[in-house]
């Protein structure tokens, strides 16, 4: 089936480990759209989508559907990192 693309380039080091792109996606969507993403699944998926848009993989006329699967309770497990809101805290977490 050629209609489904599985891209694991945005997973980071391990399941549940934050990435810089995920933190950026969480902050961007919360600030600009009022949409809260969870840091494990939808945050990393949105980070991948944003990166691919920036790389020019989509045109302005393309229709993109992002399925938000929830996960707000997951924010509480990462509240210290998210509250700091900077890439430095993510780098510390990853090391």
PDB file of N, CA and C in Angstrom:
ATOM      1  N   UNK A   1       0.845  -1.171   0.000  1.00  0.00           N
ATOM      2  CA  UNK A   1       0.000   0.000   0.000  1.00  0.00           C
ATOM      3  C   UNK A   1       0.891   1.235   0.000  1.00  0.00           C
ATOM      4  N   UNK A   2       0.837   2.023  -1.035  1.00  0.00           N
ATOM      5  CA  UNK A   2       1.697   3.186  -1.180  1.00  0.00           C
ATOM      6  C   UNK A   2       1.115   4.448  -0.549  1.00  0.00           C
ATOM      7  N   UNK A   3      -0.081   4.383   0.005  1.00  0.00           N
ATOM      8  CA  UNK A   3      -0.716   5.569   0.569  1.00  0.00           C
ATOM      9  C   UNK A   3      -0.294   5.855   2.007  1.00  0.00           C
ATOM     10  N   UNK A   4       0.432   4.945   2.625  1.00  0.00           N
ATOM     11  CA  UNK A   4       0.835   5.115   4.020  1.00  0.00           C
ATOM     12  C   UNK A   4       2.355   5.201   4.084  1.00  0.00           C
ATOM     13  N   UNK A   5       2.851   6.247   4.737  1.00  0.00           N
ATOM     14  CA  UNK A   5       4.285   6.430   4.925  1.00  0.00           C
ATOM     15  C   UNK A   5       4.594   6.329   6.412  1.00  0.00           C
ATOM     16  N   UNK A   6       5.488   5.474   6.772  1.00  0.00           N
ATOM     17  CA  UNK A   6       5.935   5.367   8.159  1.00  0.00           C
ATOM     18  C   UNK A   6       7.344   5.917   8.214  1.00  0.00           C
ATOM     19  N   UNK A   7       7.513   7.006   8.953  1.00  0.00           N
ATOM     20  CA  UNK A   7       8.797   7.691   9.038  1.00  0.00           C
ATOM     21  C   UNK A   7       9.212   7.744  10.502  1.00  0.00           C
ATOM     22  N   UNK A   8      10.217   6.987  10.866  1.00  0.00           N
ATOM     23  CA  UNK A   8      10.649   6.951  12.264  1.00  0.00           C
ATOM     24  C   UNK A   8      11.862   7.845  12.535  1.00  0.00           C
ATOM     25  N   UNK A   9      12.109   8.794  11.666  1.00  0.00           N
ATOM     26  CA  UNK A   9      13.243   9.700  11.845  1.00  0.00           C
ATOM     27  C   UNK A   9      13.052  10.728  12.952  1.00  0.00           C
ATOM     28  N   UNK A  10      11.869  10.813  13.505  1.00  0.00           N
ATOM     29  CA  UNK A  10      11.576  11.851  14.494  1.00  0.00           C
ATOM     30  C   UNK A  10      11.300  11.274  15.879  1.00  0.00           C
ATOM     31  N   UNK A  11      11.613  10.011  16.085  1.00  0.00           N
ATOM     32  CA  UNK A  11      11.332   9.370  17.366  1.00  0.00           C
ATOM     33  C   UNK A  11      12.261   9.828  18.487  1.00  0.00           C
ATOM     34  N   UNK A  12      13.448  10.234  18.142  1.00  0.00           N
ATOM     35  CA  UNK A  12      14.425  10.588  19.168  1.00  0.00           C
ATOM     36  C   UNK A  12      15.186   9.351  19.623  1.00  0.00           C
ATOM     37  N   UNK A  13      15.804   9.474  20.791  1.00  0.00           N
ATOM     38  CA  UNK A  13      16.653   8.386  21.288  1.00  0.00           C
ATOM     39  C   UNK A  13      15.859   7.175  21.764  1.00  0.00           C
ATOM     40  N   UNK A  14      14.658   7.412  22.288  1.00  0.00           N
ATOM     41  CA  UNK A  14      13.877   6.291  22.814  1.00  0.00           C
ATOM     42  C   UNK A  14      12.436   6.732  23.049  1.00  0.00           C
ATOM     43  N   UNK A  15      11.569   5.757  23.253  1.00  0.00           N
ATOM     44  CA  UNK A  15      10.180   6.032  23.578  1.00  0.00           C
ATOM     45  C   UNK A  15      10.111   6.901  24.833  1.00  0.00           C
ATOM     46  N   UNK A  16       9.314   7.917  24.776  1.00  0.00           N
ATOM     47  CA  UNK A  16       9.119   8.759  25.943  1.00  0.00           C
ATOM     48  C   UNK A  16      10.224   9.758  26.208  1.00  0.00           C
ATOM     49  N   UNK A  17      11.272   9.728  25.425  1.00  0.00           N
ATOM     50  CA  UNK A  17      12.353  10.701  25.592  1.00  0.00           C
ATOM     51  C   UNK A  17      12.036  11.918  24.745  1.00  0.00           C
ATOM     52  N   UNK A  18      12.054  13.102  25.348  1.00  0.00           N
ATOM     53  CA  UNK A  18      11.733  14.315  24.603  1.00  0.00           C
ATOM     54  C   UNK A  18      12.775  14.649  23.547  1.00  0.00           C
ATOM     55  N   UNK A  19      12.340  15.398  22.555  1.00  0.00           N
ATOM     56  CA  UNK A  19      13.249  15.905  21.528  1.00  0.00           C
ATOM     57  C   UNK A  19      13.069  17.420  21.437  1.00  0.00           C
ATOM     58  N   UNK A  20      14.055  18.091  20.886  1.00  0.00           N
ATOM     59  CA  UNK A  20      13.957  19.539  20.716  1.00  0.00           C
ATOM     60  C   UNK A  20      12.788  19.895  19.799  1.00  0.00           C
ATOM     61  N   UNK A  21      12.624  19.131  18.726  1.00  0.00           N
ATOM     62  CA  UNK A  21      11.532  19.386  17.799  1.00  0.00           C
ATOM     63  C   UNK A  21      10.175  19.236  18.457  1.00  0.00           C
ATOM     64  N   UNK A  22      10.042  18.255  19.336  1.00  0.00           N
ATOM     65  CA  UNK A  22       8.791  18.042  20.063  1.00  0.00           C
ATOM     66  C   UNK A  22       8.481  19.240  20.947  1.00  0.00           C
ATOM     67  N   UNK A  23       9.480  19.732  21.668  1.00  0.00           N
ATOM     68  CA  UNK A  23       9.256  20.885  22.533  1.00  0.00           C
ATOM     69  C   UNK A  23       8.841  22.099  21.709  1.00  0.00           C
ATOM     70  N   UNK A  24       9.488  22.307  20.594  1.00  0.00           N
ATOM     71  CA  UNK A  24       9.124  23.428  19.725  1.00  0.00           C
ATOM     72  C   UNK A  24       7.685  23.284  19.238  1.00  0.00           C
ATOM     73  N   UNK A  25       7.308  22.069  18.817  1.00  0.00           N
ATOM     74  CA  UNK A  25       5.951  21.832  18.327  1.00  0.00           C
ATOM     75  C   UNK A  25       4.921  22.091  19.418  1.00  0.00           C
ATOM     76  N   UNK A  26       5.172  21.611  20.644  1.00  0.00           N
ATOM     77  CA  UNK A  26       4.253  21.844  21.759  1.00  0.00           C
ATOM     78  C   UNK A  26       4.055  23.336  21.989  1.00  0.00           C
ATOM     79  N   UNK A  27       5.157  24.066  22.035  1.00  0.00           N
ATOM     80  CA  UNK A  27       5.083  25.499  22.308  1.00  0.00           C
ATOM     81  C   UNK A  27       4.408  26.251  21.166  1.00  0.00           C
ATOM     82  N   UNK A  28       4.769  25.930  19.945  1.00  0.00           N
ATOM     83  CA  UNK A  28       4.209  26.621  18.790  1.00  0.00           C
ATOM     84  C   UNK A  28       2.696  26.435  18.707  1.00  0.00           C
ATOM     85  N   UNK A  29       2.225  25.209  18.815  1.00  0.00           N
ATOM     86  CA  UNK A  29       0.786  24.955  18.710  1.00  0.00           C
ATOM     87  C   UNK A  29       0.027  25.556  19.883  1.00  0.00           C
ATOM     88  N   UNK A  30       0.599  25.504  21.075  1.00  0.00           N
ATOM     89  CA  UNK A  30      -0.066  26.077  22.238  1.00  0.00           C
ATOM     90  C   UNK A  30      -0.164  27.597  22.112  1.00  0.00           C
ATOM     91  N   UNK A  31       0.906  28.233  21.679  1.00  0.00           N
ATOM     92  CA  UNK A  31       0.929  29.697  21.590  1.00  0.00           C
ATOM     93  C   UNK A  31       0.118  30.233  20.418  1.00  0.00           C
ATOM     94  N   UNK A  32       0.170  29.548  19.272  1.00  0.00           N
ATOM     95  CA  UNK A  32      -0.473  30.110  18.080  1.00  0.00           C
ATOM     96  C   UNK A  32      -1.888  29.607  17.851  1.00  0.00           C
ATOM     97  N   UNK A  33      -2.194  28.388  18.300  1.00  0.00           N
ATOM     98  CA  UNK A  33      -3.495  27.797  18.007  1.00  0.00           C
ATOM     99  C   UNK A  33      -4.289  27.412  19.245  1.00  0.00           C
ATOM    100  N   UNK A  34      -3.661  27.450  20.412  1.00  0.00           N
ATOM    101  CA  UNK A  34      -4.348  27.026  21.630  1.00  0.00           C
ATOM    102  C   UNK A  34      -4.576  25.524  21.666  1.00  0.00           C
ATOM    103  N   UNK A  35      -3.757  24.779  20.947  1.00  0.00           N
ATOM    104  CA  UNK A  35      -3.887  23.324  20.890  1.00  0.00           C
ATOM    105  C   UNK A  35      -2.782  22.711  21.742  1.00  0.00           C
ATOM    106  N   UNK A  36      -3.170  21.829  22.642  1.00  0.00           N
ATOM    107  CA  UNK A  36      -2.208  21.168  23.518  1.00  0.00           C
ATOM    108  C   UNK A  36      -1.902  19.783  22.946  1.00  0.00           C
ATOM    109  N   UNK A  37      -0.621  19.507  22.782  1.00  0.00           N
ATOM    110  CA  UNK A  37      -0.156  18.218  22.279  1.00  0.00           C
ATOM    111  C   UNK A  37       0.518  17.456  23.405  1.00  0.00           C
ATOM    112  N   UNK A  38       0.452  16.144  23.354  1.00  0.00           N
ATOM    113  CA  UNK A  38       1.186  15.369  24.350  1.00  0.00           C
ATOM    114  C   UNK A  38       2.637  15.237  23.905  1.00  0.00           C
ATOM    115  N   UNK A  39       3.565  15.083  24.848  1.00  0.00           N
ATOM    116  CA  UNK A  39       4.983  15.080  24.505  1.00  0.00           C
ATOM    117  C   UNK A  39       5.506  13.768  23.925  1.00  0.00           C
ATOM    118  N   UNK A  40       4.715  12.725  23.910  1.00  0.00           N
ATOM    119  CA  UNK A  40       5.239  11.444  23.434  1.00  0.00           C
ATOM    120  C   UNK A  40       4.802  11.158  21.998  1.00  0.00           C
ATOM    121  N   UNK A  41       3.525  11.250  21.720  1.00  0.00           N
ATOM    122  CA  UNK A  41       3.043  10.889  20.389  1.00  0.00           C
ATOM    123  C   UNK A  41       2.751  12.096  19.510  1.00  0.00           C
ATOM    124  N   UNK A  42       1.737  12.870  19.859  1.00  0.00           N
ATOM    125  CA  UNK A  42       1.336  13.957  18.960  1.00  0.00           C
ATOM    126  C   UNK A  42       2.381  15.053  18.882  1.00  0.00           C
ATOM    127  N   UNK A  43       3.137  15.260  19.951  1.00  0.00           N
ATOM    128  CA  UNK A  43       4.196  16.266  19.916  1.00  0.00           C
ATOM    129  C   UNK A  43       5.279  15.907  18.909  1.00  0.00           C
ATOM    130  N   UNK A  44       5.696  14.654  18.909  1.00  0.00           N
ATOM    131  CA  UNK A  44       6.724  14.215  17.958  1.00  0.00           C
ATOM    132  C   UNK A  44       6.160  14.143  16.543  1.00  0.00           C
ATOM    133  N   UNK A  45       4.899  13.748  16.416  1.00  0.00           N
ATOM    134  CA  UNK A  45       4.276  13.702  15.087  1.00  0.00           C
ATOM    135  C   UNK A  45       4.157  15.105  14.498  1.00  0.00           C
ATOM    136  N   UNK A  46       3.777  16.077  15.323  1.00  0.00           N
ATOM    137  CA  UNK A  46       3.682  17.460  14.839  1.00  0.00           C
ATOM    138  C   UNK A  46       5.069  17.998  14.515  1.00  0.00           C
ATOM    139  N   UNK A  47       6.069  17.650  15.297  1.00  0.00           N
ATOM    140  CA  UNK A  47       7.441  18.071  15.005  1.00  0.00           C
ATOM    141  C   UNK A  47       7.863  17.555  13.627  1.00  0.00           C
ATOM    142  N   UNK A  48       7.505  16.329  13.316  1.00  0.00           N
ATOM    143  CA  UNK A  48       7.825  15.762  12.006  1.00  0.00           C
ATOM    144  C   UNK A  48       7.091  16.510  10.898  1.00  0.00           C
ATOM    145  N   UNK A  49       5.815  16.782  11.117  1.00  0.00           N
ATOM    146  CA  UNK A  49       5.039  17.504  10.106  1.00  0.00           C
ATOM    147  C   UNK A  49       5.614  18.896   9.874  1.00  0.00           C
ATOM    148  N   UNK A  50       5.920  19.620  10.937  1.00  0.00           N
ATOM    149  CA  UNK A  50       6.487  20.965  10.797  1.00  0.00           C
ATOM    150  C   UNK A  50       7.812  20.922  10.033  1.00  0.00           C
ATOM    151  N   UNK A  51       8.647  19.954  10.360  1.00  0.00           N
ATOM    152  CA  UNK A  51       9.937  19.837   9.681  1.00  0.00           C
ATOM    153  C   UNK A  51       9.749  19.553   8.196  1.00  0.00           C
ATOM    154  N   UNK A  52       8.834  18.670   7.873  1.00  0.00           N
ATOM    155  CA  UNK A  52       8.610  18.323   6.468  1.00  0.00           C
ATOM    156  C   UNK A  52       7.987  19.486   5.696  1.00  0.00           C
ATOM    157  N   UNK A  53       7.154  20.285   6.353  1.00  0.00           N
ATOM    158  CA  UNK A  53       6.612  21.489   5.711  1.00  0.00           C
ATOM    159  C   UNK A  53       7.748  22.463   5.436  1.00  0.00           C
ATOM    160  N   UNK A  54       8.611  22.658   6.423  1.00  0.00           N
ATOM    161  CA  UNK A  54       9.738  23.582   6.263  1.00  0.00           C
ATOM    162  C   UNK A  54      10.707  23.128   5.182  1.00  0.00           C
ATOM    163  N   UNK A  55      10.802  21.835   4.975  1.00  0.00           N
ATOM    164  CA  UNK A  55      11.678  21.307   3.934  1.00  0.00           C
ATOM    165  C   UNK A  55      11.055  21.417   2.543  1.00  0.00           C
ATOM    166  N   UNK A  56       9.824  21.894   2.486  1.00  0.00           N
ATOM    167  CA  UNK A  56       9.180  22.098   1.202  1.00  0.00           C
ATOM    168  C   UNK A  56       8.528  20.868   0.599  1.00  0.00           C
ATOM    169  N   UNK A  57       8.246  19.864   1.426  1.00  0.00           N
ATOM    170  CA  UNK A  57       7.632  18.643   0.907  1.00  0.00           C
ATOM    171  C   UNK A  57       6.163  18.830   0.543  1.00  0.00           C
ATOM    172  N   UNK A  58       5.583  19.929   0.971  1.00  0.00           N
ATOM    173  CA  UNK A  58       4.180  20.211   0.680  1.00  0.00           C
ATOM    174  C   UNK A  58       4.079  21.585   0.024  1.00  0.00           C
ATOM    175  N   UNK A  59       3.096  21.732  -0.833  1.00  0.00           N
ATOM    176  CA  UNK A  59       2.852  23.045  -1.435  1.00  0.00           C
ATOM    177  C   UNK A  59       1.686  23.708  -0.697  1.00  0.00           C
ATOM    178  N   UNK A  60       1.492  25.000  -0.946  1.00  0.00           N
ATOM    179  CA  UNK A  60       0.396  25.734  -0.299  1.00  0.00           C
ATOM    180  C   UNK A  60      -0.975  25.175  -0.668  1.00  0.00           C
ATOM    181  N   UNK A  61      -1.059  24.500  -1.809  1.00  0.00           N
ATOM    182  CA  UNK A  61      -2.349  23.959  -2.242  1.00  0.00           C
ATOM    183  C   UNK A  61      -2.609  22.547  -1.709  1.00  0.00           C
ATOM    184  N   UNK A  62      -1.628  21.945  -1.049  1.00  0.00           N
ATOM    185  CA  UNK A  62      -1.827  20.600  -0.492  1.00  0.00           C
ATOM    186  C   UNK A  62      -2.762  20.643   0.706  1.00  0.00           C
ATOM    187  N   UNK A  63      -3.576  19.637   0.816  1.00  0.00           N
ATOM    188  CA  UNK A  63      -4.421  19.462   1.995  1.00  0.00           C
ATOM    189  C   UNK A  63      -3.707  18.515   2.948  1.00  0.00           C
ATOM    190  N   UNK A  64      -3.530  18.950   4.176  1.00  0.00           N
ATOM    191  CA  UNK A  64      -2.854  18.138   5.179  1.00  0.00           C
ATOM    192  C   UNK A  64      -3.828  17.905   6.323  1.00  0.00           C
ATOM    193  N   UNK A  65      -3.971  16.660   6.725  1.00  0.00           N
ATOM    194  CA  UNK A  65      -4.820  16.317   7.859  1.00  0.00           C
ATOM    195  C   UNK A  65      -3.926  15.777   8.963  1.00  0.00           C
ATOM    196  N   UNK A  66      -3.986  16.407  10.121  1.00  0.00           N
ATOM    197  CA  UNK A  66      -3.235  15.930  11.284  1.00  0.00           C
ATOM    198  C   UNK A  66      -4.249  15.399  12.284  1.00  0.00           C
ATOM    199  N   UNK A  67      -4.102  14.158  12.657  1.00  0.00           N
ATOM    200  CA  UNK A  67      -5.044  13.549  13.603  1.00  0.00           C
ATOM    201  C   UNK A  67      -4.457  13.655  15.002  1.00  0.00           C
ATOM    202  N   UNK A  68      -5.113  14.457  15.821  1.00  0.00           N
ATOM    203  CA  UNK A  68      -4.695  14.673  17.206  1.00  0.00           C
ATOM    204  C   UNK A  68      -5.347  13.593  18.055  1.00  0.00           C
ATOM    205  N   UNK A  69      -4.538  12.740  18.644  1.00  0.00           N
ATOM    206  CA  UNK A  69      -5.067  11.600  19.379  1.00  0.00           C
ATOM    207  C   UNK A  69      -5.172  11.839  20.879  1.00  0.00           C
ATOM    208  N   UNK A  70      -4.986  13.078  21.308  1.00  0.00           N
ATOM    209  CA  UNK A  70      -5.121  13.378  22.738  1.00  0.00           C
ATOM    210  C   UNK A  70      -3.815  13.214  23.473  1.00  0.00           C
ATOM    211  N   UNK A  71      -3.936  12.973  24.758  1.00  0.00           N
ATOM    212  CA  UNK A  71      -2.750  12.728  25.555  1.00  0.00           C
ATOM    213  C   UNK A  71      -2.371  13.839  26.505  1.00  0.00           C
ATOM    214  N   UNK A  72      -3.290  14.752  26.780  1.00  0.00           N
ATOM    215  CA  UNK A  72      -2.983  15.862  27.683  1.00  0.00           C
ATOM    216  C   UNK A  72      -2.444  15.383  29.031  1.00  0.00           C
ATOM    217  N   UNK A  73      -2.948  14.283  29.611  1.00  0.00           N
ATOM    218  CA  UNK A  73      -2.376  13.837  30.893  1.00  0.00           C
ATOM    219  C   UNK A  73      -0.875  13.570  30.822  1.00  0.00           C
ATOM    220  N   UNK A  74      -0.367  13.241  29.643  1.00  0.00           N
ATOM    221  CA  UNK A  74       1.062  13.006  29.493  1.00  0.00           C
ATOM    222  C   UNK A  74       1.911  14.229  29.760  1.00  0.00           C
ATOM    223  N   UNK A  75       1.311  15.404  29.669  1.00  0.00           N
ATOM    224  CA  UNK A  75       2.058  16.637  29.940  1.00  0.00           C
ATOM    225  C   UNK A  75       2.568  16.684  31.369  1.00  0.00           C
ATOM    226  N   UNK A  76       1.831  16.100  32.296  1.00  0.00           N
ATOM    227  CA  UNK A  76       2.221  16.170  33.704  1.00  0.00           C
ATOM    228  C   UNK A  76       3.536  15.444  33.976  1.00  0.00           C
ATOM    229  N   UNK A  77       3.819  14.410  33.240  1.00  0.00           N
ATOM    230  CA  UNK A  77       5.069  13.670  33.424  1.00  0.00           C
ATOM    231  C   UNK A  77       6.275  14.466  32.934  1.00  0.00           C
ATOM    232  N   UNK A  78       6.043  15.463  32.091  1.00  0.00           N
ATOM    233  CA  UNK A  78       7.124  16.251  31.500  1.00  0.00           C
ATOM    234  C   UNK A  78       7.018  17.728  31.895  1.00  0.00           C
ATOM    235  N   UNK A  79       6.275  18.017  32.930  1.00  0.00           N
ATOM    236  CA  UNK A  79       5.985  19.412  33.275  1.00  0.00           C
ATOM    237  C   UNK A  79       7.231  20.233  33.568  1.00  0.00           C
ATOM    238  N   UNK A  80       8.250  19.626  34.184  1.00  0.00           N
ATOM    239  CA  UNK A  80       9.461  20.399  34.487  1.00  0.00           C
ATOM    240  C   UNK A  80      10.172  20.841  33.219  1.00  0.00           C
ATOM    241  N   UNK A  81      10.223  19.985  32.218  1.00  0.00           N
ATOM    242  CA  UNK A  81      10.880  20.315  30.954  1.00  0.00           C
ATOM    243  C   UNK A  81      10.057  21.324  30.169  1.00  0.00           C
ATOM    244  N   UNK A  82       8.764  21.099  30.098  1.00  0.00           N
ATOM    245  CA  UNK A  82       7.878  21.976  29.333  1.00  0.00           C
ATOM    246  C   UNK A  82       7.809  23.362  29.965  1.00  0.00           C
ATOM    247  N   UNK A  83       7.766  23.420  31.296  1.00  0.00           N
ATOM    248  CA  UNK A  83       7.676  24.705  31.992  1.00  0.00           C
ATOM    249  C   UNK A  83       8.911  25.558  31.727  1.00  0.00           C
ATOM    250  N   UNK A  84      10.079  24.928  31.633  1.00  0.00           N
ATOM    251  CA  UNK A  84      11.294  25.690  31.351  1.00  0.00           C
ATOM    252  C   UNK A  84      11.258  26.241  29.941  1.00  0.00           C
ATOM    253  N   UNK A  85      10.659  25.473  29.036  1.00  0.00           N
ATOM    254  CA  UNK A  85      10.408  25.948  27.688  1.00  0.00           C
ATOM    255  C   UNK A  85      11.631  26.322  26.881  1.00  0.00           C
ATOM    256  N   UNK A  86      12.724  25.630  27.090  1.00  0.00           N
ATOM    257  CA  UNK A  86      13.890  25.941  26.268  1.00  0.00           C
ATOM    258  C   UNK A  86      14.582  24.668  25.819  1.00  0.00           C
ATOM    259  N   UNK A  87      15.342  24.789  24.777  1.00  0.00           N
ATOM    260  CA  UNK A  87      16.033  23.636  24.212  1.00  0.00           C
ATOM    261  C   UNK A  87      17.119  23.120  25.147  1.00  0.00           C
ATOM    262  N   UNK A  88      17.647  23.968  26.020  1.00  0.00           N
ATOM    263  CA  UNK A  88      18.704  23.535  26.936  1.00  0.00           C
ATOM    264  C   UNK A  88      18.201  22.451  27.878  1.00  0.00           C
ATOM    265  N   UNK A  89      16.961  22.579  28.357  1.00  0.00           N
ATOM    266  CA  UNK A  89      16.428  21.558  29.247  1.00  0.00           C
ATOM    267  C   UNK A  89      16.247  20.240  28.520  1.00  0.00           C
ATOM    268  N   UNK A  90      15.885  20.308  27.248  1.00  0.00           N
ATOM    269  CA  UNK A  90      15.750  19.092  26.453  1.00  0.00           C
ATOM    270  C   UNK A  90      17.116  18.447  26.266  1.00  0.00           C
ATOM    271  N   UNK A  91      18.126  19.240  25.969  1.00  0.00           N
ATOM    272  CA  UNK A  91      19.471  18.691  25.781  1.00  0.00           C
ATOM    273  C   UNK A  91      19.953  18.002  27.060  1.00  0.00           C
ATOM    274  N   UNK A  92      19.671  18.600  28.222  1.00  0.00           N
ATOM    275  CA  UNK A  92      20.065  17.974  29.491  1.00  0.00           C
ATOM    276  C   UNK A  92      19.345  16.645  29.660  1.00  0.00           C
ATOM    277  N   UNK A  93      18.061  16.605  29.330  1.00  0.00           N
ATOM    278  CA  UNK A  93      17.282  15.374  29.454  1.00  0.00           C
ATOM    279  C   UNK A  93      17.816  14.280  28.535  1.00  0.00           C
ATOM    280  N   UNK A  94      18.284  14.664  27.358  1.00  0.00           N
ATOM    281  CA  UNK A  94      18.757  13.691  26.389  1.00  0.00           C
ATOM    282  C   UNK A  94      20.154  13.149  26.727  1.00  0.00           C
ATOM    283  N   UNK A  95      20.917  13.901  27.516  1.00  0.00           N
ATOM    284  CA  UNK A  95      22.279  13.436  27.802  1.00  0.00           C
ATOM    285  C   UNK A  95      22.333  12.474  28.954  1.00  0.00           C
TER     286      UNK A  95
END
